[in-house]
Amino acid sequence: MKPIVVLGCLLTWVMSGVLAAPVDANNATQADLEQIPGVGPSIAQRILDERGRAPFKDWRDLIGRVKGIGSGSAAKFSDAGLTVNGATFDRAAAVPAK
């Protein structure tokens, strides 16, 4: 009985994206980006457009260049598997000092 419960939990995690492979903003396709919960076609296209001008250096760069992505949405996207140069979002490092 226990293996069935464990398998059910594992499948639930996989389907919810918890165990999904990271998607990097600097080399993801439109479809890859749209797999991230909250990233729809318009945000995905804005990411691709900005990346076409120059690769993103870090999360701070992405937030500064992509309209509609702030610290809150960056944290959610990162939690769902989006990375920038392999890095997850760090609110302290991404927000400019005042």
C-alpha atoms as a PDB file:
ATOM      1  CA  MET A   1       0.000   0.000   0.000  1.00  0.00           C
ATOM      2  CA  LYS A   2       2.770   2.486   0.848  1.00  0.00           C
ATOM      3  CA  PRO A   3       4.456   2.332  -2.601  1.00  0.00           C
ATOM      4  CA  ILE A   4       1.174   3.373  -4.214  1.00  0.00           C
ATOM      5  CA  VAL A   5       0.860   6.393  -1.902  1.00  0.00           C
ATOM      6  CA  VAL A   6       4.478   7.413  -2.558  1.00  0.00           C
ATOM      7  CA  LEU A   7       3.980   7.034  -6.316  1.00  0.00           C
ATOM      8  CA  GLY A   8       0.806   9.131  -6.129  1.00  0.00           C
ATOM      9  CA  CYS A   9       2.628  11.907  -4.265  1.00  0.00           C
ATOM     10  CA  LEU A  10       5.505  11.803  -6.740  1.00  0.00           C
ATOM     11  CA  LEU A  11       3.149  12.078  -9.695  1.00  0.00           C
ATOM     12  CA  THR A  12       1.341  14.987  -8.040  1.00  0.00           C
ATOM     13  CA  TRP A  13       4.646  16.828  -7.523  1.00  0.00           C
ATOM     14  CA  VAL A  14       5.754  16.217 -11.102  1.00  0.00           C
ATOM     15  CA  MET A  15       2.440  17.388 -12.504  1.00  0.00           C
ATOM     16  CA  SER A  16       2.464  20.506 -10.304  1.00  0.00           C
ATOM     17  CA  GLY A  17       5.898  21.494 -11.558  1.00  0.00           C
ATOM     18  CA  VAL A  18       7.748  20.964  -8.275  1.00  0.00           C
ATOM     19  CA  LEU A  19      10.111  18.469  -9.898  1.00  0.00           C
ATOM     20  CA  ALA A  20      10.103  20.066 -13.351  1.00  0.00           C
ATOM     21  CA  ALA A  21      13.410  20.864 -15.008  1.00  0.00           C
ATOM     22  CA  PRO A  22      14.495  24.502 -14.786  1.00  0.00           C
ATOM     23  CA  VAL A  23      13.784  26.786 -17.735  1.00  0.00           C
ATOM     24  CA  ASP A  24      16.483  29.393 -18.338  1.00  0.00           C
ATOM     25  CA  ALA A  25      15.350  32.780 -19.667  1.00  0.00           C
ATOM     26  CA  ASN A  26      18.472  33.039 -21.840  1.00  0.00           C
ATOM     27  CA  ASN A  27      17.853  29.925 -23.906  1.00  0.00           C
ATOM     28  CA  ALA A  28      14.181  28.980 -23.499  1.00  0.00           C
ATOM     29  CA  THR A  29      11.755  28.873 -26.394  1.00  0.00           C
ATOM     30  CA  GLN A  30       8.379  30.609 -26.310  1.00  0.00           C
ATOM     31  CA  ALA A  31       6.756  27.260 -25.481  1.00  0.00           C
ATOM     32  CA  ASP A  32       9.275  26.623 -22.667  1.00  0.00           C
ATOM     33  CA  LEU A  33       8.529  30.008 -21.126  1.00  0.00           C
ATOM     34  CA  GLU A  34       4.775  29.514 -21.378  1.00  0.00           C
ATOM     35  CA  GLN A  35       5.107  26.314 -19.318  1.00  0.00           C
ATOM     36  CA  ILE A  36       5.950  28.507 -16.315  1.00  0.00           C
ATOM     37  CA  PRO A  37       2.720  29.288 -14.425  1.00  0.00           C
ATOM     38  CA  GLY A  38       1.898  32.975 -14.848  1.00  0.00           C
ATOM     39  CA  VAL A  39       4.005  33.442 -17.990  1.00  0.00           C
ATOM     40  CA  GLY A  40       1.569  33.839 -20.840  1.00  0.00           C
ATOM     41  CA  PRO A  41       2.235  34.525 -24.510  1.00  0.00           C
ATOM     42  CA  SER A  42       2.776  38.275 -24.069  1.00  0.00           C
ATOM     43  CA  ILE A  43       5.299  38.035 -21.217  1.00  0.00           C
ATOM     44  CA  ALA A  44       7.086  35.176 -22.983  1.00  0.00           C
ATOM     45  CA  GLN A  45       7.354  37.308 -26.124  1.00  0.00           C
ATOM     46  CA  ARG A  46       8.673  40.297 -24.146  1.00  0.00           C
ATOM     47  CA  ILE A  47      11.349  38.061 -22.615  1.00  0.00           C
ATOM     48  CA  LEU A  48      12.328  36.790 -26.070  1.00  0.00           C
ATOM     49  CA  ASP A  49      12.379  40.312 -27.536  1.00  0.00           C
ATOM     50  CA  GLU A  50      14.645  41.648 -24.790  1.00  0.00           C
ATOM     51  CA  ARG A  51      16.864  38.581 -24.892  1.00  0.00           C
ATOM     52  CA  GLY A  52      17.227  39.179 -28.650  1.00  0.00           C
ATOM     53  CA  ARG A  53      18.782  42.580 -27.888  1.00  0.00           C
ATOM     54  CA  ALA A  54      21.237  41.057 -25.386  1.00  0.00           C
ATOM     55  CA  PRO A  55      21.271  38.058 -23.037  1.00  0.00           C
ATOM     56  CA  PHE A  56      20.109  38.724 -19.496  1.00  0.00           C
ATOM     57  CA  LYS A  57      22.990  39.186 -17.057  1.00  0.00           C
ATOM     58  CA  ASP A  58      20.931  38.284 -13.994  1.00  0.00           C
ATOM     59  CA  TRP A  59      17.460  38.608 -12.493  1.00  0.00           C
ATOM     60  CA  ARG A  60      17.959  42.308 -11.832  1.00  0.00           C
ATOM     61  CA  ASP A  61      18.668  42.828 -15.539  1.00  0.00           C
ATOM     62  CA  LEU A  62      15.582  40.820 -16.559  1.00  0.00           C
ATOM     63  CA  ILE A  63      13.322  42.753 -14.168  1.00  0.00           C
ATOM     64  CA  GLY A  64      14.712  46.057 -15.397  1.00  0.00           C
ATOM     65  CA  ARG A  65      14.234  45.250 -19.073  1.00  0.00           C
ATOM     66  CA  VAL A  66      11.029  43.204 -19.281  1.00  0.00           C
ATOM     67  CA  LYS A  67       7.903  45.287 -18.747  1.00  0.00           C
ATOM     68  CA  GLY A  68       5.416  43.549 -16.479  1.00  0.00           C
ATOM     69  CA  ILE A  69       7.924  41.589 -14.422  1.00  0.00           C
ATOM     70  CA  GLY A  70       8.649  42.907 -10.948  1.00  0.00           C
ATOM     71  CA  SER A  71      10.095  41.331  -7.832  1.00  0.00           C
ATOM     72  CA  GLY A  72       6.846  39.591  -6.910  1.00  0.00           C
ATOM     73  CA  SER A  73       6.291  37.932 -10.264  1.00  0.00           C
ATOM     74  CA  ALA A  74      10.009  37.135 -10.579  1.00  0.00           C
ATOM     75  CA  ALA A  75       9.842  35.258  -7.263  1.00  0.00           C
ATOM     76  CA  LYS A  76       6.779  33.300  -8.437  1.00  0.00           C
ATOM     77  CA  PHE A  77       8.354  32.483 -11.808  1.00  0.00           C
ATOM     78  CA  SER A  78      11.557  31.378 -10.105  1.00  0.00           C
ATOM     79  CA  ASP A  79       9.639  29.166  -7.665  1.00  0.00           C
ATOM     80  CA  ALA A  80       7.972  27.581 -10.717  1.00  0.00           C
ATOM     81  CA  GLY A  81      11.322  26.804 -12.371  1.00  0.00           C
ATOM     82  CA  LEU A  82      12.455  29.909 -14.287  1.00  0.00           C
ATOM     83  CA  THR A  83      16.144  30.761 -13.943  1.00  0.00           C
ATOM     84  CA  VAL A  84      18.472  33.412 -15.352  1.00  0.00           C
ATOM     85  CA  ASN A  85      21.909  32.012 -16.202  1.00  0.00           C
ATOM     86  CA  GLY A  86      21.017  29.035 -14.025  1.00  0.00           C
ATOM     87  CA  ALA A  87      20.309  31.189 -10.954  1.00  0.00           C
ATOM     88  CA  THR A  88      17.061  31.280  -9.024  1.00  0.00           C
ATOM     89  CA  PHE A  89      15.594  34.613  -7.957  1.00  0.00           C
ATOM     90  CA  ASP A  90      17.108  36.280  -4.883  1.00  0.00           C
ATOM     91  CA  ARG A  91      14.970  39.253  -3.881  1.00  0.00           C
ATOM     92  CA  ALA A  92      17.816  40.961  -1.979  1.00  0.00           C
ATOM     93  CA  ALA A  93      20.194  40.747  -4.947  1.00  0.00           C
ATOM     94  CA  ALA A  94      17.628  41.686  -7.586  1.00  0.00           C
ATOM     95  CA  VAL A  95      16.183  44.861  -6.125  1.00  0.00           C
ATOM     96  CA  PRO A  96      18.286  48.000  -6.539  1.00  0.00           C
ATOM     97  CA  ALA A  97      19.339  49.729  -3.303  1.00  0.00           C
ATOM     98  CA  LYS A  98      17.574  53.017  -2.553  1.00  0.00           C
END
